[in-house]
PDB file of all heavy atoms in Angstrom:
ATOM      1  N   ASN A   1       0.800  -1.220   0.000  1.00  0.00           N
ATOM      2  CA  ASN A   1       0.000   0.000   0.000  1.00  0.00           C
ATOM      3  C   ASN A   1       0.841   1.281   0.000  1.00  0.00           C
ATOM      4  O   ASN A   1       0.387   2.320  -0.480  1.00  0.00           O
ATOM      5  CB  ASN A   1      -0.922   0.025   1.219  1.00  0.00           C
ATOM      6  CG  ASN A   1      -1.962  -1.076   1.168  1.00  0.00           C
ATOM      7  OD1 ASN A   1      -2.537  -1.362   0.131  1.00  0.00           O
ATOM      8  ND2 ASN A   1      -2.203  -1.718   2.302  1.00  0.00           N
ATOM      9  N   TYR A   2       2.066   1.194   0.546  1.00  0.00           N
ATOM     10  CA  TYR A   2       2.894   2.396   0.671  1.00  0.00           C
ATOM     11  C   TYR A   2       4.337   2.112   0.253  1.00  0.00           C
ATOM     12  O   TYR A   2       4.848   1.015   0.469  1.00  0.00           O
ATOM     13  CB  TYR A   2       2.889   2.913   2.126  1.00  0.00           C
ATOM     14  CG  TYR A   2       1.516   3.315   2.616  1.00  0.00           C
ATOM     15  CD1 TYR A   2       0.733   2.428   3.358  1.00  0.00           C
ATOM     16  CD2 TYR A   2       0.992   4.578   2.335  1.00  0.00           C
ATOM     17  CE1 TYR A   2      -0.537   2.784   3.800  1.00  0.00           C
ATOM     18  CE2 TYR A   2      -0.270   4.944   2.782  1.00  0.00           C
ATOM     19  CZ  TYR A   2      -1.030   4.044   3.504  1.00  0.00           C
ATOM     20  OH  TYR A   2      -2.278   4.409   3.944  1.00  0.00           O
ATOM     21  N   ARG A   3       4.964   3.130  -0.336  1.00  0.00           N
ATOM     22  CA  ARG A   3       6.379   3.060  -0.678  1.00  0.00           C
ATOM     23  C   ARG A   3       7.154   3.839   0.390  1.00  0.00           C
ATOM     24  O   ARG A   3       6.920   5.030   0.588  1.00  0.00           O
ATOM     25  CB  ARG A   3       6.629   3.661  -2.072  1.00  0.00           C
ATOM     26  CG  ARG A   3       8.077   3.622  -2.509  1.00  0.00           C
ATOM     27  CD  ARG A   3       8.277   4.278  -3.858  1.00  0.00           C
ATOM     28  NE  ARG A   3       7.644   3.535  -4.928  1.00  0.00           N
ATOM     29  CZ  ARG A   3       6.531   3.899  -5.543  1.00  0.00           C
ATOM     30  NH1 ARG A   3       5.905   5.010  -5.180  1.00  0.00           N
ATOM     31  NH2 ARG A   3       6.014   3.164  -6.511  1.00  0.00           N
ATOM     32  N   ILE A   4       8.057   3.173   1.069  1.00  0.00           N
ATOM     33  CA  ILE A   4       8.813   3.800   2.153  1.00  0.00           C
ATOM     34  C   ILE A   4      10.269   3.948   1.724  1.00  0.00           C
ATOM     35  O   ILE A   4      10.912   2.969   1.341  1.00  0.00           O
ATOM     36  CB  ILE A   4       8.720   2.962   3.452  1.00  0.00           C
ATOM     37  CG1 ILE A   4       7.252   2.804   3.865  1.00  0.00           C
ATOM     38  CG2 ILE A   4       9.523   3.608   4.564  1.00  0.00           C
ATOM     39  CD1 ILE A   4       7.031   1.870   5.028  1.00  0.00           C
ATOM     40  N   THR A   5      10.785   5.174   1.783  1.00  0.00           N
ATOM     41  CA  THR A   5      12.183   5.444   1.435  1.00  0.00           C
ATOM     42  C   THR A   5      12.901   6.048   2.638  1.00  0.00           C
ATOM     43  O   THR A   5      12.306   6.813   3.411  1.00  0.00           O
ATOM     44  CB  THR A   5      12.292   6.398   0.240  1.00  0.00           C
ATOM     45  OG1 THR A   5      11.642   7.650   0.553  1.00  0.00           O
ATOM     46  CG2 THR A   5      11.628   5.796  -0.998  1.00  0.00           C
ATOM     47  N   ARG A   6      14.187   5.715   2.782  1.00  0.00           N
ATOM     48  CA  ARG A   6      15.002   6.245   3.878  1.00  0.00           C
ATOM     49  C   ARG A   6      16.316   6.785   3.321  1.00  0.00           C
ATOM     50  O   ARG A   6      16.991   6.105   2.564  1.00  0.00           O
ATOM     51  CB  ARG A   6      15.283   5.160   4.926  1.00  0.00           C
ATOM     52  CG  ARG A   6      14.037   4.679   5.658  1.00  0.00           C
ATOM     53  CD  ARG A   6      14.378   3.616   6.698  1.00  0.00           C
ATOM     54  NE  ARG A   6      13.189   3.165   7.426  1.00  0.00           N
ATOM     55  CZ  ARG A   6      12.398   2.183   7.019  1.00  0.00           C
ATOM     56  NH1 ARG A   6      12.662   1.540   5.880  1.00  0.00           N
ATOM     57  NH2 ARG A   6      11.336   1.840   7.742  1.00  0.00           N
ATOM     58  N   ASP A   7      16.655   8.007   3.706  1.00  0.00           N
ATOM     59  CA  ASP A   7      17.903   8.655   3.294  1.00  0.00           C
ATOM     60  C   ASP A   7      18.613   9.180   4.531  1.00  0.00           C
ATOM     61  O   ASP A   7      17.985   9.818   5.396  1.00  0.00           O
ATOM     62  CB  ASP A   7      17.629   9.809   2.323  1.00  0.00           C
ATOM     63  CG  ASP A   7      16.906   9.351   1.064  1.00  0.00           C
ATOM     64  OD1 ASP A   7      17.458   8.498   0.351  1.00  0.00           O
ATOM     65  OD2 ASP A   7      15.782   9.840   0.809  1.00  0.00           O
ATOM     66  N   THR A   8      19.910   8.928   4.604  1.00  0.00           N
ATOM     67  CA  THR A   8      20.715   9.399   5.734  1.00  0.00           C
ATOM     68  C   THR A   8      21.586  10.561   5.270  1.00  0.00           C
ATOM     69  O   THR A   8      22.315  10.446   4.283  1.00  0.00           O
ATOM     70  CB  THR A   8      21.593   8.273   6.298  1.00  0.00           C
ATOM     71  OG1 THR A   8      20.743   7.196   6.722  1.00  0.00           O
ATOM     72  CG2 THR A   8      22.406   8.759   7.479  1.00  0.00           C
ATOM     73  N   ILE A   9      21.504  11.697   5.999  1.00  0.00           N
ATOM     74  CA  ILE A   9      22.202  12.927   5.632  1.00  0.00           C
ATOM     75  C   ILE A   9      22.928  13.475   6.857  1.00  0.00           C
ATOM     76  O   ILE A   9      22.417  13.397   7.981  1.00  0.00           O
ATOM     77  CB  ILE A   9      21.211  13.982   5.095  1.00  0.00           C
ATOM     78  CG1 ILE A   9      20.438  13.416   3.896  1.00  0.00           C
ATOM     79  CG2 ILE A   9      21.919  15.274   4.705  1.00  0.00           C
ATOM     80  CD1 ILE A   9      19.342  14.336   3.393  1.00  0.00           C
ATOM     81  N   SER A  10      24.104  14.041   6.626  1.00  0.00           N
ATOM     82  CA  SER A  10      24.857  14.674   7.714  1.00  0.00           C
ATOM     83  C   SER A  10      24.207  16.006   8.083  1.00  0.00           C
ATOM     84  O   SER A  10      23.783  16.771   7.210  1.00  0.00           O
ATOM     85  CB  SER A  10      26.308  14.922   7.300  1.00  0.00           C
ATOM     86  OG  SER A  10      26.970  13.706   7.045  1.00  0.00           O
ATOM     87  N   VAL A  11      24.117  16.251   9.365  1.00  0.00           N
ATOM     88  CA  VAL A  11      23.557  17.519   9.852  1.00  0.00           C
ATOM     89  C   VAL A  11      24.553  18.133  10.835  1.00  0.00           C
ATOM     90  O   VAL A  11      24.743  17.632  11.947  1.00  0.00           O
ATOM     91  CB  VAL A  11      22.189  17.302  10.526  1.00  0.00           C
ATOM     92  CG1 VAL A  11      21.110  17.078   9.508  1.00  0.00           C
ATOM     93  CG2 VAL A  11      22.227  16.133  11.490  1.00  0.00           C
ATOM     94  N   PRO A  12      25.219  19.212  10.448  1.00  0.00           N
ATOM     95  CA  PRO A  12      26.207  19.835  11.340  1.00  0.00           C
ATOM     96  C   PRO A  12      25.532  20.633  12.459  1.00  0.00           C
ATOM     97  O   PRO A  12      24.325  20.913  12.421  1.00  0.00           O
ATOM     98  CB  PRO A  12      26.967  20.766  10.390  1.00  0.00           C
ATOM     99  CG  PRO A  12      25.972  21.100   9.328  1.00  0.00           C
ATOM    100  CD  PRO A  12      25.120  19.882   9.155  1.00  0.00           C
ATOM    101  N   ASP A  13      26.302  20.974  13.418  1.00  0.00           N
ATOM    102  CA  ASP A  13      25.868  21.853  14.517  1.00  0.00           C
ATOM    103  C   ASP A  13      24.686  21.282  15.296  1.00  0.00           C
ATOM    104  O   ASP A  13      23.744  22.003  15.645  1.00  0.00           O
ATOM    105  CB  ASP A  13      25.507  23.251  13.985  1.00  0.00           C
ATOM    106  CG  ASP A  13      26.662  23.894  13.232  1.00  0.00           C
ATOM    107  OD1 ASP A  13      27.815  23.675  13.651  1.00  0.00           O
ATOM    108  OD2 ASP A  13      26.408  24.591  12.231  1.00  0.00           O
ATOM    109  N   VAL A  14      24.714  19.975  15.554  1.00  0.00           N
ATOM    110  CA  VAL A  14      23.714  19.399  16.452  1.00  0.00           C
ATOM    111  C   VAL A  14      24.442  18.745  17.621  1.00  0.00           C
ATOM    112  O   VAL A  14      25.550  18.214  17.469  1.00  0.00           O
ATOM    113  CB  VAL A  14      22.818  18.362  15.745  1.00  0.00           C
ATOM    114  CG1 VAL A  14      21.983  19.021  14.671  1.00  0.00           C
ATOM    115  CG2 VAL A  14      23.626  17.218  15.183  1.00  0.00           C
ATOM    116  N   SER A  15      23.820  18.819  18.758  1.00  0.00           N
ATOM    117  CA  SER A  15      24.408  18.227  19.956  1.00  0.00           C
ATOM    118  C   SER A  15      23.291  17.899  20.928  1.00  0.00           C
ATOM    119  O   SER A  15      22.126  18.261  20.701  1.00  0.00           O
ATOM    120  CB  SER A  15      25.402  19.200  20.606  1.00  0.00           C
ATOM    121  OG  SER A  15      24.728  20.369  21.034  1.00  0.00           O
ATOM    122  N   ARG A  16      23.661  17.237  22.001  1.00  0.00           N
ATOM    123  CA  ARG A  16      22.644  16.895  22.992  1.00  0.00           C
ATOM    124  C   ARG A  16      22.082  18.160  23.636  1.00  0.00           C
ATOM    125  O   ARG A  16      20.906  18.200  24.001  1.00  0.00           O
ATOM    126  CB  ARG A  16      23.247  15.977  24.050  1.00  0.00           C
ATOM    127  CG  ARG A  16      23.751  14.650  23.489  1.00  0.00           C
ATOM    128  CD  ARG A  16      24.108  13.676  24.588  1.00  0.00           C
ATOM    129  NE  ARG A  16      24.630  12.410  24.034  1.00  0.00           N
ATOM    130  CZ  ARG A  16      24.698  11.277  24.713  1.00  0.00           C
ATOM    131  NH1 ARG A  16      24.285  11.227  25.974  1.00  0.00           N
ATOM    132  NH2 ARG A  16      25.178  10.184  24.135  1.00  0.00           N
ATOM    133  N   GLU A  17      22.934  19.172  23.755  1.00  0.00           N
ATOM    134  CA  GLU A  17      22.471  20.418  24.348  1.00  0.00           C
ATOM    135  C   GLU A  17      21.540  21.172  23.412  1.00  0.00           C
ATOM    136  O   GLU A  17      20.503  21.702  23.827  1.00  0.00           O
ATOM    137  CB  GLU A  17      23.666  21.305  24.706  1.00  0.00           C
ATOM    138  CG  GLU A  17      24.543  20.793  25.831  1.00  0.00           C
ATOM    139  CD  GLU A  17      25.397  19.594  25.407  1.00  0.00           C
ATOM    140  OE1 GLU A  17      25.640  19.423  24.177  1.00  0.00           O
ATOM    141  OE2 GLU A  17      25.792  18.816  26.294  1.00  0.00           O
ATOM    142  N   SER A  18      21.879  21.189  22.089  1.00  0.00           N
ATOM    143  CA  SER A  18      21.041  21.935  21.143  1.00  0.00           C
ATOM    144  C   SER A  18      19.666  21.299  20.987  1.00  0.00           C
ATOM    145  O   SER A  18      18.703  21.964  20.588  1.00  0.00           O
ATOM    146  CB  SER A  18      21.743  22.025  19.787  1.00  0.00           C
ATOM    147  OG  SER A  18      21.864  20.729  19.196  1.00  0.00           O
ATOM    148  N   ALA A  19      19.568  20.015  21.284  1.00  0.00           N
ATOM    149  CA  ALA A  19      18.287  19.324  21.134  1.00  0.00           C
ATOM    150  C   ALA A  19      17.253  19.801  22.139  1.00  0.00           C
ATOM    151  O   ALA A  19      16.053  19.543  21.970  1.00  0.00           O
ATOM    152  CB  ALA A  19      18.481  17.818  21.261  1.00  0.00           C
ATOM    153  N   THR A  20      17.713  20.497  23.172  1.00  0.00           N
ATOM    154  CA  THR A  20      16.763  21.005  24.170  1.00  0.00           C
ATOM    155  C   THR A  20      16.175  22.351  23.767  1.00  0.00           C
ATOM    156  O   THR A  20      15.268  22.848  24.427  1.00  0.00           O
ATOM    157  CB  THR A  20      17.471  21.146  25.534  1.00  0.00           C
ATOM    158  OG1 THR A  20      18.573  22.065  25.404  1.00  0.00           O
ATOM    159  CG2 THR A  20      18.003  19.804  26.007  1.00  0.00           C
ATOM    160  N   SER A  21      16.670  22.917  22.677  1.00  0.00           N
ATOM    161  CA  SER A  21      16.180  24.218  22.225  1.00  0.00           C
ATOM    162  C   SER A  21      14.754  24.101  21.714  1.00  0.00           C
ATOM    163  O   SER A  21      14.418  23.117  21.032  1.00  0.00           O
ATOM    164  CB  SER A  21      17.096  24.760  21.132  1.00  0.00           C
ATOM    165  OG  SER A  21      16.539  25.926  20.563  1.00  0.00           O
ATOM    166  N   PRO A  22      13.892  25.093  21.988  1.00  0.00           N
ATOM    167  CA  PRO A  22      12.493  25.030  21.532  1.00  0.00           C
ATOM    168  C   PRO A  22      12.349  24.988  20.013  1.00  0.00           C
ATOM    169  O   PRO A  22      11.367  24.437  19.498  1.00  0.00           O
ATOM    170  CB  PRO A  22      11.870  26.313  22.109  1.00  0.00           C
ATOM    171  CG  PRO A  22      12.754  26.676  23.257  1.00  0.00           C
ATOM    172  CD  PRO A  22      14.145  26.263  22.862  1.00  0.00           C
ATOM    173  N   ASP A  23      13.309  25.588  19.300  1.00  0.00           N
ATOM    174  CA  ASP A  23      13.201  25.625  17.843  1.00  0.00           C
ATOM    175  C   ASP A  23      14.076  24.563  17.175  1.00  0.00           C
ATOM    176  O   ASP A  23      14.368  24.653  15.983  1.00  0.00           O
ATOM    177  CB  ASP A  23      13.577  27.009  17.322  1.00  0.00           C
ATOM    178  CG  ASP A  23      15.028  27.365  17.624  1.00  0.00           C
ATOM    179  OD1 ASP A  23      15.645  26.708  18.500  1.00  0.00           O
ATOM    180  OD2 ASP A  23      15.557  28.288  16.980  1.00  0.00           O
ATOM    181  N   PHE A  24      14.479  23.541  17.931  1.00  0.00           N
ATOM    182  CA  PHE A  24      15.366  22.503  17.381  1.00  0.00           C
ATOM    183  C   PHE A  24      14.721  21.800  16.175  1.00  0.00           C
ATOM    184  O   PHE A  24      15.350  21.631  15.130  1.00  0.00           O
ATOM    185  CB  PHE A  24      15.694  21.475  18.479  1.00  0.00           C
ATOM    186  CG  PHE A  24      16.479  20.295  17.974  1.00  0.00           C
ATOM    187  CD1 PHE A  24      17.841  20.391  17.723  1.00  0.00           C
ATOM    188  CD2 PHE A  24      15.852  19.060  17.744  1.00  0.00           C
ATOM    189  CE1 PHE A  24      18.570  19.300  17.261  1.00  0.00           C
ATOM    190  CE2 PHE A  24      16.576  17.964  17.277  1.00  0.00           C
ATOM    191  CZ  PHE A  24      17.930  18.090  17.044  1.00  0.00           C
ATOM    192  N   ALA A  25      13.474  21.400  16.325  1.00  0.00           N
ATOM    193  CA  ALA A  25      12.804  20.667  15.248  1.00  0.00           C
ATOM    194  C   ALA A  25      12.682  21.530  13.991  1.00  0.00           C
ATOM    195  O   ALA A  25      12.906  21.055  12.875  1.00  0.00           O
ATOM    196  CB  ALA A  25      11.427  20.205  15.710  1.00  0.00           C
ATOM    197  N   GLN A  26      12.316  22.822  14.164  1.00  0.00           N
ATOM    198  CA  GLN A  26      12.191  23.710  13.009  1.00  0.00           C
ATOM    199  C   GLN A  26      13.537  23.894  12.312  1.00  0.00           C
ATOM    200  O   GLN A  26      13.611  23.918  11.069  1.00  0.00           O
ATOM    201  CB  GLN A  26      11.638  25.069  13.444  1.00  0.00           C
ATOM    202  CG  GLN A  26      10.152  25.092  13.749  1.00  0.00           C
ATOM    203  CD  GLN A  26       9.824  24.515  15.126  1.00  0.00           C
ATOM    204  OE1 GLN A  26      10.734  24.208  15.914  1.00  0.00           O
ATOM    205  NE2 GLN A  26       8.538  24.360  15.397  1.00  0.00           N
ATOM    206  N   ARG A  27      14.625  24.020  13.075  1.00  0.00           N
ATOM    207  CA  ARG A  27      15.949  24.187  12.478  1.00  0.00           C
ATOM    208  C   ARG A  27      16.379  22.939  11.717  1.00  0.00           C
ATOM    209  O   ARG A  27      16.985  23.021  10.652  1.00  0.00           O
ATOM    210  CB  ARG A  27      16.974  24.535  13.564  1.00  0.00           C
ATOM    211  CG  ARG A  27      16.835  25.953  14.103  1.00  0.00           C
ATOM    212  CD  ARG A  27      17.993  26.384  14.966  1.00  0.00           C
ATOM    213  NE  ARG A  27      18.052  25.654  16.230  1.00  0.00           N
ATOM    214  CZ  ARG A  27      18.935  24.708  16.507  1.00  0.00           C
ATOM    215  NH1 ARG A  27      19.847  24.340  15.614  1.00  0.00           N
ATOM    216  NH2 ARG A  27      18.929  24.101  17.696  1.00  0.00           N
ATOM    217  N   ILE A  28      16.059  21.764  12.265  1.00  0.00           N
ATOM    218  CA  ILE A  28      16.394  20.510  11.580  1.00  0.00           C
ATOM    219  C   ILE A  28      15.637  20.414  10.257  1.00  0.00           C
ATOM    220  O   ILE A  28      16.210  20.092   9.209  1.00  0.00           O
ATOM    221  CB  ILE A  28      16.060  19.301  12.474  1.00  0.00           C
ATOM    222  CG1 ILE A  28      17.053  19.210  13.651  1.00  0.00           C
ATOM    223  CG2 ILE A  28      16.084  18.004  11.655  1.00  0.00           C
ATOM    224  CD1 ILE A  28      18.478  18.913  13.235  1.00  0.00           C
ATOM    225  N   ALA A  29      14.343  20.722  10.295  1.00  0.00           N
ATOM    226  CA  ALA A  29      13.525  20.650   9.079  1.00  0.00           C
ATOM    227  C   ALA A  29      14.026  21.628   8.024  1.00  0.00           C
ATOM    228  O   ALA A  29      14.129  21.293   6.841  1.00  0.00           O
ATOM    229  CB  ALA A  29      12.061  20.923   9.409  1.00  0.00           C
ATOM    230  N   ALA A  30      14.345  22.849   8.453  1.00  0.00           N
ATOM    231  CA  ALA A  30      14.838  23.855   7.507  1.00  0.00           C
ATOM    232  C   ALA A  30      16.207  23.472   6.960  1.00  0.00           C
ATOM    233  O   ALA A  30      16.477  23.623   5.761  1.00  0.00           O
ATOM    234  CB  ALA A  30      14.899  25.213   8.197  1.00  0.00           C
ATOM    235  N   GLY A  31      17.077  22.944   7.815  1.00  0.00           N
ATOM    236  CA  GLY A  31      18.413  22.559   7.375  1.00  0.00           C
ATOM    237  C   GLY A  31      18.404  21.403   6.383  1.00  0.00           C
ATOM    238  O   GLY A  31      19.282  21.306   5.521  1.00  0.00           O
ATOM    239  N   LEU A  32      17.416  20.551   6.480  1.00  0.00           N
ATOM    240  CA  LEU A  32      17.306  19.417   5.558  1.00  0.00           C
ATOM    241  C   LEU A  32      16.463  19.747   4.326  1.00  0.00           C
ATOM    242  O   LEU A  32      16.264  18.894   3.456  1.00  0.00           O
ATOM    243  CB  LEU A  32      16.685  18.213   6.288  1.00  0.00           C
ATOM    244  CG  LEU A  32      17.517  17.622   7.428  1.00  0.00           C
ATOM    245  CD1 LEU A  32      16.717  16.539   8.156  1.00  0.00           C
ATOM    246  CD2 LEU A  32      18.822  17.043   6.902  1.00  0.00           C
ATOM    247  N   GLY A  33      15.980  20.981   4.262  1.00  0.00           N
ATOM    248  CA  GLY A  33      15.165  21.375   3.109  1.00  0.00           C
ATOM    249  C   GLY A  33      13.771  20.814   3.131  1.00  0.00           C
ATOM    250  O   GLY A  33      13.136  20.671   2.079  1.00  0.00           O
ATOM    251  N   LEU A  34      13.295  20.475   4.316  1.00  0.00           N
ATOM    252  CA  LEU A  34      11.943  19.942   4.466  1.00  0.00           C
ATOM    253  C   LEU A  34      11.046  21.055   4.979  1.00  0.00           C
ATOM    254  O   LEU A  34      10.837  21.211   6.177  1.00  0.00           O
ATOM    255  CB  LEU A  34      11.941  18.748   5.435  1.00  0.00           C
ATOM    256  CG  LEU A  34      12.876  17.595   5.072  1.00  0.00           C
ATOM    257  CD1 LEU A  34      12.891  16.555   6.188  1.00  0.00           C
ATOM    258  CD2 LEU A  34      12.460  16.947   3.758  1.00  0.00           C
ATOM    259  N   GLY A  35      10.533  21.828   4.066  1.00  0.00           N
ATOM    260  CA  GLY A  35       9.732  22.983   4.456  1.00  0.00           C
ATOM    261  C   GLY A  35       8.309  22.627   4.788  1.00  0.00           C
ATOM    262  O   GLY A  35       7.377  23.216   4.243  1.00  0.00           O
ATOM    263  N   THR A  36       8.128  21.664   5.637  1.00  0.00           N
ATOM    264  CA  THR A  36       6.780  21.247   6.025  1.00  0.00           C
ATOM    265  C   THR A  36       6.555  21.513   7.501  1.00  0.00           C
ATOM    266  O   THR A  36       7.504  21.738   8.269  1.00  0.00           O
ATOM    267  CB  THR A  36       6.556  19.749   5.746  1.00  0.00           C
ATOM    268  OG1 THR A  36       7.559  18.988   6.433  1.00  0.00           O
ATOM    269  CG2 THR A  36       6.651  19.453   4.246  1.00  0.00           C
ATOM    270  N   GLU A  37       5.313  21.480   7.882  1.00  0.00           N
ATOM    271  CA  GLU A  37       4.946  21.766   9.262  1.00  0.00           C
ATOM    272  C   GLU A  37       5.434  20.678  10.207  1.00  0.00           C
ATOM    273  O   GLU A  37       5.322  19.489   9.929  1.00  0.00           O
ATOM    274  CB  GLU A  37       3.426  21.875   9.352  1.00  0.00           C
ATOM    275  CG  GLU A  37       2.918  22.125  10.770  1.00  0.00           C
ATOM    276  CD  GLU A  37       1.406  22.097  10.835  1.00  0.00           C
ATOM    277  OE1 GLU A  37       0.772  21.980   9.769  1.00  0.00           O
ATOM    278  OE2 GLU A  37       0.877  22.169  11.963  1.00  0.00           O
ATOM    279  N   VAL A  38       6.025  21.114  11.323  1.00  0.00           N
ATOM    280  CA  VAL A  38       6.464  20.180  12.355  1.00  0.00           C
ATOM    281  C   VAL A  38       5.262  19.802  13.207  1.00  0.00           C
ATOM    282  O   VAL A  38       4.596  20.656  13.787  1.00  0.00           O
ATOM    283  CB  VAL A  38       7.569  20.797  13.238  1.00  0.00           C
ATOM    284  CG1 VAL A  38       7.943  19.839  14.366  1.00  0.00           C
ATOM    285  CG2 VAL A  38       8.799  21.132  12.401  1.00  0.00           C
ATOM    286  N   ARG A  39       5.001  18.498  13.269  1.00  0.00           N
ATOM    287  CA  ARG A  39       3.830  18.037  14.011  1.00  0.00           C
ATOM    288  C   ARG A  39       4.162  17.578  15.424  1.00  0.00           C
ATOM    289  O   ARG A  39       3.282  17.446  16.260  1.00  0.00           O
ATOM    290  CB  ARG A  39       3.157  16.903  13.244  1.00  0.00           C
ATOM    291  CG  ARG A  39       2.535  17.357  11.934  1.00  0.00           C
ATOM    292  CD  ARG A  39       1.682  16.273  11.320  1.00  0.00           C
ATOM    293  NE  ARG A  39       0.917  16.774  10.188  1.00  0.00           N
ATOM    294  CZ  ARG A  39       0.061  16.040   9.483  1.00  0.00           C
ATOM    295  NH1 ARG A  39      -0.117  14.765   9.805  1.00  0.00           N
ATOM    296  NH2 ARG A  39      -0.600  16.569   8.476  1.00  0.00           N
ATOM    297  N   GLY A  40       5.435  17.298  15.683  1.00  0.00           N
ATOM    298  CA  GLY A  40       5.809  16.879  17.025  1.00  0.00           C
ATOM    299  C   GLY A  40       7.223  16.332  17.069  1.00  0.00           C
ATOM    300  O   GLY A  40       7.861  16.115  16.026  1.00  0.00           O
ATOM    301  N   THR A  41       7.705  16.108  18.267  1.00  0.00           N
ATOM    302  CA  THR A  41       9.033  15.520  18.475  1.00  0.00           C
ATOM    303  C   THR A  41       8.946  14.479  19.580  1.00  0.00           C
ATOM    304  O   THR A  41       8.008  14.484  20.392  1.00  0.00           O
ATOM    305  CB  THR A  41      10.070  16.586  18.864  1.00  0.00           C
ATOM    306  OG1 THR A  41       9.675  17.202  20.099  1.00  0.00           O
ATOM    307  CG2 THR A  41      10.203  17.650  17.788  1.00  0.00           C
ATOM    308  N   PHE A  42       9.954  13.584  19.575  1.00  0.00           N
ATOM    309  CA  PHE A  42      10.010  12.562  20.618  1.00  0.00           C
ATOM    310  C   PHE A  42      11.481  12.268  20.911  1.00  0.00           C
ATOM    311  O   PHE A  42      12.254  11.956  20.000  1.00  0.00           O
ATOM    312  CB  PHE A  42       9.304  11.287  20.181  1.00  0.00           C
ATOM    313  CG  PHE A  42       9.390  10.170  21.173  1.00  0.00           C
ATOM    314  CD1 PHE A  42       8.710  10.242  22.382  1.00  0.00           C
ATOM    315  CD2 PHE A  42      10.164   9.045  20.913  1.00  0.00           C
ATOM    316  CE1 PHE A  42       8.793   9.203  23.307  1.00  0.00           C
ATOM    317  CE2 PHE A  42      10.262   8.016  21.833  1.00  0.00           C
ATOM    318  CZ  PHE A  42       9.569   8.087  23.042  1.00  0.00           C
ATOM    319  N   ARG A  43      11.845  12.365  22.188  1.00  0.00           N
ATOM    320  CA  ARG A  43      13.224  12.093  22.598  1.00  0.00           C
ATOM    321  C   ARG A  43      13.341  10.603  22.886  1.00  0.00           C
ATOM    322  O   ARG A  43      12.912  10.105  23.936  1.00  0.00           O
ATOM    323  CB  ARG A  43      13.581  12.922  23.841  1.00  0.00           C
ATOM    324  CG  ARG A  43      15.068  12.922  24.213  1.00  0.00           C
ATOM    325  CD  ARG A  43      15.862  13.749  23.233  1.00  0.00           C
ATOM    326  NE  ARG A  43      17.291  13.815  23.592  1.00  0.00           N
ATOM    327  CZ  ARG A  43      17.867  14.877  24.126  1.00  0.00           C
ATOM    328  NH1 ARG A  43      17.144  15.986  24.383  1.00  0.00           N
ATOM    329  NH2 ARG A  43      19.158  14.884  24.399  1.00  0.00           N
ATOM    330  N   VAL A  44      13.888   9.861  21.921  1.00  0.00           N
ATOM    331  CA  VAL A  44      14.010   8.419  22.067  1.00  0.00           C
ATOM    332  C   VAL A  44      14.946   8.069  23.208  1.00  0.00           C
ATOM    333  O   VAL A  44      14.648   7.229  24.065  1.00  0.00           O
ATOM    334  CB  VAL A  44      14.515   7.788  20.753  1.00  0.00           C
ATOM    335  CG1 VAL A  44      14.641   6.271  20.898  1.00  0.00           C
ATOM    336  CG2 VAL A  44      13.582   8.133  19.596  1.00  0.00           C
TER     337      VAL A  44
END
């Protein structure tokens, strides 16, 4: 029913400390060129 693709990309300037920033998810999405709405995050 669905086609699932996975791509691994390097993302500079990330750390355990930066992950606590409120805009971390938005910065990750923008840095990867994913200009879509962030629906949520989960700290695995």
